[in-house]
Amino acid sequence: MLNTSCTRRSFLGLAGGVAAFAGLGLAGCGGNQAPAGSAAGSDAAASLSGTINCGGATSFQPLIEAVAEEFYIDNPDVSIAISGGGSGDGISGIVDGSLQIGRSDVFAEEKVDDESQLENLVDNQVCIVGMGPIVNANVDIDDITTEQLAGIFTGEITDWSEVGGTAGTINVINREAGSGTRATFESAVLQGKEVPAGFTPVAEVDSSGTVVEQVAATEGSISYVAFNYYDTNDGIKALSVDGVEPTQENVESGDFNIWAYEHMYTRSDEDESTAAITKAFIDFIMSEDIQSTTVIEQGFIPVSNMKVKKDVDGNVTPVE
């Protein structure tokens, strides 16, 4: 339990996203959830105590930290340890039991070699994340085609003059292998096209925040991040793709096709000592109240807003 002399905001800031500990408030278990701060909610929350671990995709780590911070107000005896590492770490952590919640931008089926590892995994699709290309603010193009992006990220296109910009070297900054954001981007942009073994980006980094920092600091650079990182640094700018702006509305309609579900994987056979906390956290983030406020405020899209859906093979179809 956190010392009450350390505010939730200052604690999360000190943790820097590596292992942010925040109290997780629970207004009740199951479907009959009492409003936070009510007498019923406080009594239910008081019966829960302990710590759960939530790690994986960095794309929606800020959302999880924001929700945890809200919950701690009424639930000082429950904590959630939040770490990054990428979707690969989230899936491996939930498979081996080191995490109670494994965050991922991709389906677990895409990350495991042995299908038996999927047994007892529960896929909680908590929201939608839109993703798109970003460039250093000094790059003088505003739109790019999917074909041009594929050329850049396979090393076939190496100069900005080849895509309508002022001549200059294109410096590719990629996410590391195992990143769900990278997998989503490559699925939508490369569409099965192989990256030559000889192609080497300027850097491969382990978090969306680091991507933003490096693109802002590197002339002529390009990468990709979730929409919620677009406004975090004046040194970057987002590009439209095929003339379609990277907006939530265009993701919802299916017009902008670089997006993914944000998965929070849990286990149906979780140890009883933490299962109640995990379930309550998932129930809370999936609640209409959080979906209609915090999820949207943090730059994500409620699943209920989508007019299209995507399966594990990347097939997009209308929501019926």
Foldseek 3Di string as FASTA:
>chain_A
DDDPVQALVNQQVVCVQAWRKAAAAFQAFDDPGDDPPDPSRLVRLVVDADEFEEEAAQQCLVLVSVNRNVRCVSHVRYMYIGHYQAQLCLLVCQLVVVGQWRKYQADSVVRDPDCVSCPQKDWQQLFKWFKAKKAFPPWPDAEFELQVVLCVQLVNDFFSVVGPTDTDGEAEEEADPRHRLRVLSCCVRVVPPDRDPPDDGPYHYRHPVVVVVVRLVDPNYMYMGTPLCQPVDPRMHGHHYPPHDRDPVCVQACVRQRMGGTIIMGGNPRDPSCVRVSNSSSCVSNDPVNQVPSCVVSPTGGPVSHQWDADNSGDIDGDD
